[in-house]
Amino acid sequence: MSPAGRPPLSDARKSNRLFVMLTDAERERLDDAAAAAGKPTSTWARDELLRLAGDVAKKKPAKKR
């Protein structure tokens, strides 16, 4: 039998944190965007940052050896 509470969301344990300082207006914009996507703000922000990182990586030219 599994312990009571919410089951883990994934097998990957998240142990790193990224702190970002925001103004109240910036935080409100992120909260609004996350709500529109139906996600908690931290989940939405992580998803969007990783998507953007992937987009940037695709545009970056390969390093010469």
Protein backbone atom coordinates (compact mmCIF):
# COMPACT_ATOMS: atom_id res chain seq x y z
CA MET A 1 0.00 0.00 0.00
CA SER A 2 1.35 3.48 -0.84
CA PRO A 3 1.57 6.26 1.77
CA ALA A 4 -1.24 8.79 1.94
CA GLY A 5 -0.92 12.06 0.04
CA ARG A 6 -0.27 13.18 -3.48
CA PRO A 7 1.62 10.70 -5.65
CA PRO A 8 4.93 11.88 -7.16
CA LEU A 9 4.50 13.81 -10.41
CA SER A 10 7.50 12.14 -12.04
CA ASP A 11 10.38 9.79 -11.32
CA ALA A 12 12.92 12.62 -11.57
CA ARG A 13 13.56 14.22 -8.20
CA LYS A 14 13.82 17.98 -8.40
CA SER A 15 16.56 19.14 -6.04
CA ASN A 16 17.82 22.36 -7.65
CA ARG A 17 16.30 25.79 -7.21
CA LEU A 18 16.48 28.93 -9.31
CA PHE A 19 15.66 32.17 -7.55
CA VAL A 20 14.41 35.09 -9.64
CA MET A 21 13.63 38.50 -8.23
CA LEU A 22 10.45 40.04 -9.68
CA THR A 23 8.46 43.19 -9.22
CA ASP A 24 4.85 42.79 -8.14
CA ALA A 25 3.76 43.59 -11.71
CA GLU A 26 6.10 40.98 -13.21
CA ARG A 27 4.88 38.32 -10.78
CA GLU A 28 1.27 39.17 -11.62
CA ARG A 29 2.01 38.73 -15.33
CA LEU A 30 3.51 35.30 -14.70
CA ASP A 31 0.66 34.29 -12.41
CA ASP A 32 -1.88 35.37 -15.05
CA ALA A 33 -0.10 33.46 -17.81
CA ALA A 34 0.14 30.35 -15.65
CA ALA A 35 -3.53 30.56 -14.72
CA ALA A 36 -4.46 30.89 -18.40
CA ALA A 37 -2.46 27.71 -19.07
CA GLY A 38 -4.12 25.96 -16.13
CA LYS A 39 -0.84 25.37 -14.31
CA PRO A 40 0.73 26.48 -11.04
CA THR A 41 3.08 29.40 -11.64
CA SER A 42 6.25 27.46 -10.79
CA THR A 43 5.32 24.60 -13.13
CA TRP A 44 4.40 26.97 -15.93
CA ALA A 45 7.62 28.97 -15.48
CA ARG A 46 9.78 25.81 -15.48
CA ASP A 47 8.04 24.49 -18.60
CA GLU A 48 8.44 27.81 -20.42
CA LEU A 49 12.09 28.25 -19.43
CA LEU A 50 12.93 24.74 -20.63
CA ARG A 51 11.03 25.29 -23.89
CA LEU A 52 12.88 28.56 -24.46
CA ALA A 53 16.23 26.95 -23.64
CA GLY A 54 15.52 24.28 -26.24
CA ASP A 55 14.61 26.90 -28.84
CA VAL A 56 17.80 28.87 -28.16
CA ALA A 57 19.94 25.72 -28.29
CA LYS A 58 18.52 24.88 -31.73
CA LYS A 59 19.52 28.31 -33.08
CA LYS A 60 23.04 28.26 -31.63
CA PRO A 61 25.67 27.22 -34.17
CA ALA A 62 27.64 24.07 -33.38
CA LYS A 63 30.97 24.62 -31.66
CA LYS A 64 34.09 24.00 -33.74
CA ARG A 65 36.58 21.53 -32.31
